[in-house]
C-alpha atoms as a PDB file:
ATOM      1  CA  PRO A   1     114.656 130.650 125.268  1.00  0.00           C
ATOM      2  CA  SER A   2     115.207 128.508 122.255  1.00  0.00           C
ATOM      3  CA  VAL A   3     114.207 125.091 121.618  1.00  0.00           C
ATOM      4  CA  THR A   4     117.667 123.753 122.052  1.00  0.00           C
ATOM      5  CA  GLU A   5     117.812 125.839 125.386  1.00  0.00           C
ATOM      6  CA  VAL A   6     114.921 124.217 126.536  1.00  0.00           C
ATOM      7  CA  ALA A   7     116.009 120.813 125.481  1.00  0.00           C
ATOM      8  CA  ASP A   8     118.942 121.178 127.245  1.00  0.00           C
ATOM      9  CA  TYR A   9     117.509 122.472 130.467  1.00  0.00           C
ATOM     10  CA  ILE A  10     115.370 119.235 130.586  1.00  0.00           C
ATOM     11  CA  ARG A  11     118.064 117.124 129.978  1.00  0.00           C
ATOM     12  CA  SER A  12     119.924 118.962 133.024  1.00  0.00           C
ATOM     13  CA  VAL A  13     116.661 117.995 135.499  1.00  0.00           C
ATOM     14  CA  SER A  14     115.579 114.555 133.962  1.00  0.00           C
ATOM     15  CA  SER A  15     118.420 112.816 132.417  1.00  0.00           C
ATOM     16  CA  ASP A  16     115.895 109.956 131.579  1.00  0.00           C
ATOM     17  CA  ALA A  17     113.451 112.310 129.754  1.00  0.00           C
ATOM     18  CA  LEU A  18     112.667 111.504 126.126  1.00  0.00           C
ATOM     19  CA  ILE A  19     113.267 114.492 123.983  1.00  0.00           C
ATOM     20  CA  TYR A  20     110.578 114.731 121.176  1.00  0.00           C
ATOM     21  CA  VAL A  21     110.764 117.143 118.328  1.00  0.00           C
ATOM     22  CA  GLY A  22     108.116 117.672 115.830  1.00  0.00           C
ATOM     23  CA  LEU A  23     108.954 118.244 112.340  1.00  0.00           C
ATOM     24  CA  ALA A  24     107.665 121.246 110.338  1.00  0.00           C
ATOM     25  CA  ASP A  25     109.031 120.355 106.834  1.00  0.00           C
ATOM     26  CA  THR A  26     110.882 117.178 105.568  1.00  0.00           C
ATOM     27  CA  SER A  27     113.586 118.738 103.515  1.00  0.00           C
ATOM     28  CA  ALA A  28     117.243 117.199 104.280  1.00  0.00           C
ATOM     29  CA  SER A  29     118.557 120.785 105.553  1.00  0.00           C
ATOM     30  CA  TYR A  30     115.948 121.187 107.619  1.00  0.00           C
ATOM     31  CA  ILE A  31     115.738 117.926 109.369  1.00  0.00           C
ATOM     32  CA  ASP A  32     119.692 118.347 109.670  1.00  0.00           C
ATOM     33  CA  GLN A  33     119.409 121.537 111.120  1.00  0.00           C
ATOM     34  CA  VAL A  34     116.637 120.470 113.847  1.00  0.00           C
ATOM     35  CA  ILE A  35     118.651 117.253 114.991  1.00  0.00           C
ATOM     36  CA  THR A  36     121.933 118.721 114.770  1.00  0.00           C
ATOM     37  CA  GLY A  37     120.874 121.877 116.777  1.00  0.00           C
ATOM     38  CA  ILE A  38     118.465 120.053 119.290  1.00  0.00           C
ATOM     39  CA  GLN A  39     119.746 116.603 119.391  1.00  0.00           C
ATOM     40  CA  PRO A  40     116.742 115.053 120.199  1.00  0.00           C
ATOM     41  CA  ASP A  41     115.660 111.196 121.196  1.00  0.00           C
ATOM     42  CA  VAL A  42     112.986 111.272 118.737  1.00  0.00           C
ATOM     43  CA  VAL A  43     111.524 113.091 115.615  1.00  0.00           C
ATOM     44  CA  ILE A  44     107.864 113.012 115.087  1.00  0.00           C
ATOM     45  CA  HIS A  45     106.345 113.984 111.736  1.00  0.00           C
ATOM     46  CA  ALA A  46     102.881 114.022 110.216  1.00  0.00           C
ATOM     47  CA  PHE A  47     101.736 113.443 106.476  1.00  0.00           C
ATOM     48  CA  TYR A  48      97.811 113.082 105.858  1.00  0.00           C
ATOM     49  CA  PRO A  49      97.452 111.739 102.496  1.00  0.00           C
ATOM     50  CA  PHE A  50      93.933 111.180 102.378  1.00  0.00           C
ATOM     51  CA  THR A  51      92.604 114.725 101.083  1.00  0.00           C
ATOM     52  CA  GLY A  52      89.576 115.801  99.203  1.00  0.00           C
ATOM     53  CA  GLU A  53      85.966 113.775  99.267  1.00  0.00           C
ATOM     54  CA  THR A  54      87.191 111.306  97.408  1.00  0.00           C
ATOM     55  CA  SER A  55      90.646 109.166  96.510  1.00  0.00           C
ATOM     56  CA  ALA A  56      91.069 111.215  93.449  1.00  0.00           C
ATOM     57  CA  THR A  57      92.926 113.877  95.357  1.00  0.00           C
ATOM     58  CA  ASP A  58      94.337 111.522  97.484  1.00  0.00           C
ATOM     59  CA  ARG A  59      98.600 112.412  98.213  1.00  0.00           C
ATOM     60  CA  TRP A  60      99.786 108.710  98.564  1.00  0.00           C
ATOM     61  CA  GLU A  61     102.842 109.016  96.390  1.00  0.00           C
ATOM     62  CA  LEU A  62     103.775 112.134  98.151  1.00  0.00           C
ATOM     63  CA  SER A  63     103.455 110.717 101.267  1.00  0.00           C
ATOM     64  CA  LEU A  64     105.505 107.978 100.536  1.00  0.00           C
ATOM     65  CA  THR A  65     108.240 110.414  99.234  1.00  0.00           C
ATOM     66  CA  ASP A  66     107.926 112.334 102.871  1.00  0.00           C
ATOM     67  CA  ILE A  67     108.461 109.204 104.932  1.00  0.00           C
ATOM     68  CA  ALA A  68     111.336 108.223 102.392  1.00  0.00           C
ATOM     69  CA  GLN A  69     113.381 111.469 103.422  1.00  0.00           C
ATOM     70  CA  VAL A  70     112.542 111.269 107.261  1.00  0.00           C
ATOM     71  CA  ARG A  71     113.574 107.859 107.076  1.00  0.00           C
ATOM     72  CA  GLU A  72     116.842 108.746 105.249  1.00  0.00           C
ATOM     73  CA  ARG A  73     117.784 111.441 107.584  1.00  0.00           C
ATOM     74  CA  THR A  74     116.593 109.877 111.185  1.00  0.00           C
ATOM     75  CA  LEU A  75     118.866 106.948 110.008  1.00  0.00           C
ATOM     76  CA  PHE A  76     122.031 108.983 109.510  1.00  0.00           C
ATOM     77  CA  TYR A  77     121.738 110.328 112.861  1.00  0.00           C
ATOM     78  CA  ASP A  78     120.368 107.262 114.170  1.00  0.00           C
ATOM     79  CA  VAL A  79     117.538 109.199 116.018  1.00  0.00           C
ATOM     80  CA  ALA A  80     114.323 106.950 116.348  1.00  0.00           C
ATOM     81  CA  ALA A  81     111.407 108.593 114.063  1.00  0.00           C
ATOM     82  CA  PHE A  82     107.382 108.447 115.085  1.00  0.00           C
ATOM     83  CA  ALA A  83     104.386 109.178 112.917  1.00  0.00           C
ATOM     84  CA  TYR A  84     101.279 110.563 113.499  1.00  0.00           C
ATOM     85  CA  ILE A  85      98.407 108.371 111.481  1.00  0.00           C
ATOM     86  CA  GLN A  86      95.495 110.144 109.518  1.00  0.00           C
ATOM     87  CA  SER A  87      92.513 108.901 111.924  1.00  0.00           C
ATOM     88  CA  PHE A  88      90.579 112.050 111.613  1.00  0.00           C
ATOM     89  CA  GLU A  89      88.385 114.041 108.841  1.00  0.00           C
ATOM     90  CA  ASP A  90      88.043 117.696 108.833  1.00  0.00           C
ATOM     91  CA  LEU A  91      86.248 118.115 105.481  1.00  0.00           C
ATOM     92  CA  VAL A  92      83.356 120.682 107.067  1.00  0.00           C
ATOM     93  CA  SER A  93      85.615 123.040 109.314  1.00  0.00           C
ATOM     94  CA  ALA A  94      87.973 123.399 106.607  1.00  0.00           C
ATOM     95  CA  THR A  95      85.365 125.253 104.566  1.00  0.00           C
ATOM     96  CA  GLY A  96      87.045 127.978 102.464  1.00  0.00           C
ATOM     97  CA  ASN A  97      90.244 126.254 102.063  1.00  0.00           C
ATOM     98  CA  PRO A  98      91.280 124.476  98.819  1.00  0.00           C
ATOM     99  CA  ILE A  99      89.868 121.223  98.515  1.00  0.00           C
ATOM    100  CA  ASP A 100      93.104 119.389  98.896  1.00  0.00           C
ATOM    101  CA  SER A 101      93.838 120.785 102.107  1.00  0.00           C
ATOM    102  CA  ARG A 102      90.485 119.277 103.679  1.00  0.00           C
ATOM    103  CA  ARG A 103      91.374 115.895 104.996  1.00  0.00           C
ATOM    104  CA  ARG A 104      88.537 112.821 104.939  1.00  0.00           C
ATOM    105  CA  LEU A 105      88.580 109.855 107.156  1.00  0.00           C
ATOM    106  CA  PRO A 106      90.469 106.973 106.001  1.00  0.00           C
ATOM    107  CA  THR A 107      88.950 103.809 104.850  1.00  0.00           C
ATOM    108  CA  GLU A 108      90.397 100.523 106.705  1.00  0.00           C
ATOM    109  CA  SER A 109      92.758  99.653 103.704  1.00  0.00           C
ATOM    110  CA  GLU A 110      93.884 103.405 103.732  1.00  0.00           C
ATOM    111  CA  PHE A 111      94.662 103.603 107.457  1.00  0.00           C
ATOM    112  CA  ARG A 112      96.082  99.845 107.327  1.00  0.00           C
ATOM    113  CA  ALA A 113      98.177 101.241 104.459  1.00  0.00           C
ATOM    114  CA  GLN A 114      99.482 104.551 106.003  1.00  0.00           C
ATOM    115  CA  VAL A 115     100.519 102.379 109.587  1.00  0.00           C
ATOM    116  CA  PHE A 116     102.148  99.526 108.018  1.00  0.00           C
ATOM    117  CA  SER A 117     104.185 101.743 105.119  1.00  0.00           C
ATOM    118  CA  GLN A 118     105.364 103.707 108.399  1.00  0.00           C
ATOM    119  CA  LEU A 119     105.945 100.268 110.090  1.00  0.00           C
ATOM    120  CA  SER A 120     107.917  98.942 107.284  1.00  0.00           C
ATOM    121  CA  SER A 121     109.915 102.191 106.737  1.00  0.00           C
ATOM    122  CA  GLY A 122     111.184 101.572 110.201  1.00  0.00           C
ATOM    123  CA  VAL A 123     108.942 104.323 112.344  1.00  0.00           C
ATOM    124  CA  LYS A 124     109.361 103.195 116.146  1.00  0.00           C
ATOM    125  CA  GLY A 125     106.108 104.714 116.989  1.00  0.00           C
ATOM    126  CA  LEU A 126     102.602 105.973 115.862  1.00  0.00           C
ATOM    127  CA  PHE A 127     100.260 108.419 117.147  1.00  0.00           C
ATOM    128  CA  TYR A 128      96.610 108.839 116.437  1.00  0.00           C
ATOM    129  CA  PHE A 129      94.504 112.217 117.067  1.00  0.00           C
ATOM    130  CA  ARG A 130      91.593 110.291 119.087  1.00  0.00           C
ATOM    131  CA  PHE A 131      89.201 113.049 118.868  1.00  0.00           C
ATOM    132  CA  GLN A 132      88.342 116.124 117.589  1.00  0.00           C
ATOM    133  CA  ASN A 133      86.665 119.416 119.563  1.00  0.00           C
ATOM    134  CA  ASP A 134      84.573 120.513 116.557  1.00  0.00           C
ATOM    135  CA  PRO A 135      81.575 118.805 116.474  1.00  0.00           C
ATOM    136  CA  GLU A 136      81.265 118.970 112.828  1.00  0.00           C
ATOM    137  CA  ASP A 137      84.401 116.849 112.198  1.00  0.00           C
ATOM    138  CA  ILE A 138      85.054 113.190 112.641  1.00  0.00           C
ATOM    139  CA  ALA A 139      87.506 111.373 114.261  1.00  0.00           C
ATOM    140  CA  LEU A 140      88.290 108.022 116.174  1.00  0.00           C
ATOM    141  CA  VAL A 141      85.790 109.268 119.184  1.00  0.00           C
ATOM    142  CA  ASP A 142      83.837 112.197 119.134  1.00  0.00           C
ATOM    143  CA  SER A 143      83.333 114.390 122.050  1.00  0.00           C
ATOM    144  CA  SER A 144      80.290 112.838 123.382  1.00  0.00           C
ATOM    145  CA  GLY A 145      82.262 109.455 123.337  1.00  0.00           C
ATOM    146  CA  ALA A 146      80.850 107.849 119.898  1.00  0.00           C
ATOM    147  CA  THR A 147      83.373 105.899 117.930  1.00  0.00           C
ATOM    148  CA  SER A 148      83.668 106.668 113.882  1.00  0.00           C
ATOM    149  CA  SER A 149      83.745 103.635 111.477  1.00  0.00           C
ATOM    150  CA  LEU A 150      87.399 103.809 111.879  1.00  0.00           C
ATOM    151  CA  TYR A 151      87.639 102.762 115.393  1.00  0.00           C
ATOM    152  CA  ALA A 152      87.338  99.261 115.287  1.00  0.00           C
ATOM    153  CA  PRO A 153      89.760  98.885 112.389  1.00  0.00           C
ATOM    154  CA  ALA A 154      92.293 101.124 114.396  1.00  0.00           C
ATOM    155  CA  ALA A 155      91.713  99.145 117.348  1.00  0.00           C
ATOM    156  CA  ALA A 156      92.372  95.693 115.580  1.00  0.00           C
ATOM    157  CA  ALA A 157      95.667  97.278 113.802  1.00  0.00           C
ATOM    158  CA  ASN A 158      96.774  98.353 117.236  1.00  0.00           C
ATOM    159  CA  ALA A 159      96.611  94.673 118.092  1.00  0.00           C
ATOM    160  CA  GLU A 160      98.661  93.767 115.301  1.00  0.00           C
ATOM    161  CA  ILE A 161     101.049  96.692 115.855  1.00  0.00           C
ATOM    162  CA  SER A 162     101.629  95.352 119.311  1.00  0.00           C
ATOM    163  CA  ASN A 163     102.511  92.105 118.442  1.00  0.00           C
ATOM    164  CA  LEU A 164     104.950  93.526 115.582  1.00  0.00           C
ATOM    165  CA  GLY A 165     106.339  95.657 117.897  1.00  0.00           C
ATOM    166  CA  GLN A 166     107.962  93.213 120.057  1.00  0.00           C
ATOM    167  CA  SER A 167     110.463  91.987 117.451  1.00  0.00           C
ATOM    168  CA  LEU A 168     110.346  95.637 115.457  1.00  0.00           C
ATOM    169  CA  ARG A 169     111.556  97.412 118.442  1.00  0.00           C
ATOM    170  CA  TYR A 170     114.971  95.661 118.248  1.00  0.00           C
ATOM    171  CA  LEU A 171     115.343  95.846 114.666  1.00  0.00           C
ATOM    172  CA  THR A 172     116.924  99.007 112.639  1.00  0.00           C
ATOM    173  CA  SER A 173     115.809  99.393 108.886  1.00  0.00           C
ATOM    174  CA  THR A 174     118.163  98.675 106.492  1.00  0.00           C
ATOM    175  CA  ASP A 175     116.143  98.996 103.263  1.00  0.00           C
ATOM    176  CA  TRP A 176     112.601 100.202 102.139  1.00  0.00           C
ATOM    177  CA  ARG A 177     111.120  99.571  98.689  1.00  0.00           C
ATOM    178  CA  PHE A 178     108.186 100.332  96.695  1.00  0.00           C
ATOM    179  CA  VAL A 179     106.215  97.773  94.839  1.00  0.00           C
ATOM    180  CA  SER A 180     103.428  99.637  92.700  1.00  0.00           C
ATOM    181  CA  GLY A 181     101.124  96.943  91.931  1.00  0.00           C
ATOM    182  CA  GLY A 182     100.059  98.761  88.802  1.00  0.00           C
ATOM    183  CA  VAL A 183      98.741 101.770  90.743  1.00  0.00           C
ATOM    184  CA  SER A 184     101.372 104.447  90.592  1.00  0.00           C
ATOM    185  CA  ALA A 185     104.706 105.001  89.549  1.00  0.00           C
ATOM    186  CA  THR A 186     107.519 104.780  92.298  1.00  0.00           C
ATOM    187  CA  PRO A 187     107.768 108.057  94.420  1.00  0.00           C
ATOM    188  CA  VAL A 188     110.693 110.110  94.271  1.00  0.00           C
ATOM    189  CA  ASP A 189     113.425 108.969  97.105  1.00  0.00           C
ATOM    190  CA  VAL A 190     111.707 105.736  97.148  1.00  0.00           C
ATOM    191  CA  VAL A 191     113.771 102.590  95.612  1.00  0.00           C
ATOM    192  CA  ASP A 192     111.673 100.509  93.236  1.00  0.00           C
ATOM    193  CA  TRP A 193     111.331  96.795  94.004  1.00  0.00           C
ATOM    194  CA  ASP A 194     113.399  95.004  91.365  1.00  0.00           C
END
């Protein structure tokens, strides 16, 4: 069966079921095809901007463009958007991959920037990978239950998100602007704050 057929079947047996669809791409035509074909309640998307061993290879500007593209299409179709947040590192297990495809554990500031950028864009749900099975990789919690340096900042941010969520869940994003602070140019598809 196709994904559309599976979604239709789930709706037929459980009308209260929430249909999530993960996006593999963020081009407008692809998102249009997914939303019109499957008619999900939620689309979820991941873009992990913190790559390589230092911030020199990060893809922050591109991640904001990516958020803008998902935001625009989900608002057009009135479909909720959720996002995966980078909460892990896979520098070791990615050996052999180009340096920019390896991901490093974000700092607290980077983690918060990604979380609150997503929320300010109108995202209604956030997901994390809490643990990695590969013992060489790092996530919020490892296979033995030990927490990473990002665990406490993520827990603190979650408390803030929970408070904000009490209001944000009733709001619809009507605008999303960019303020550089002198760090980078305005990303593609993102409006500069005048």
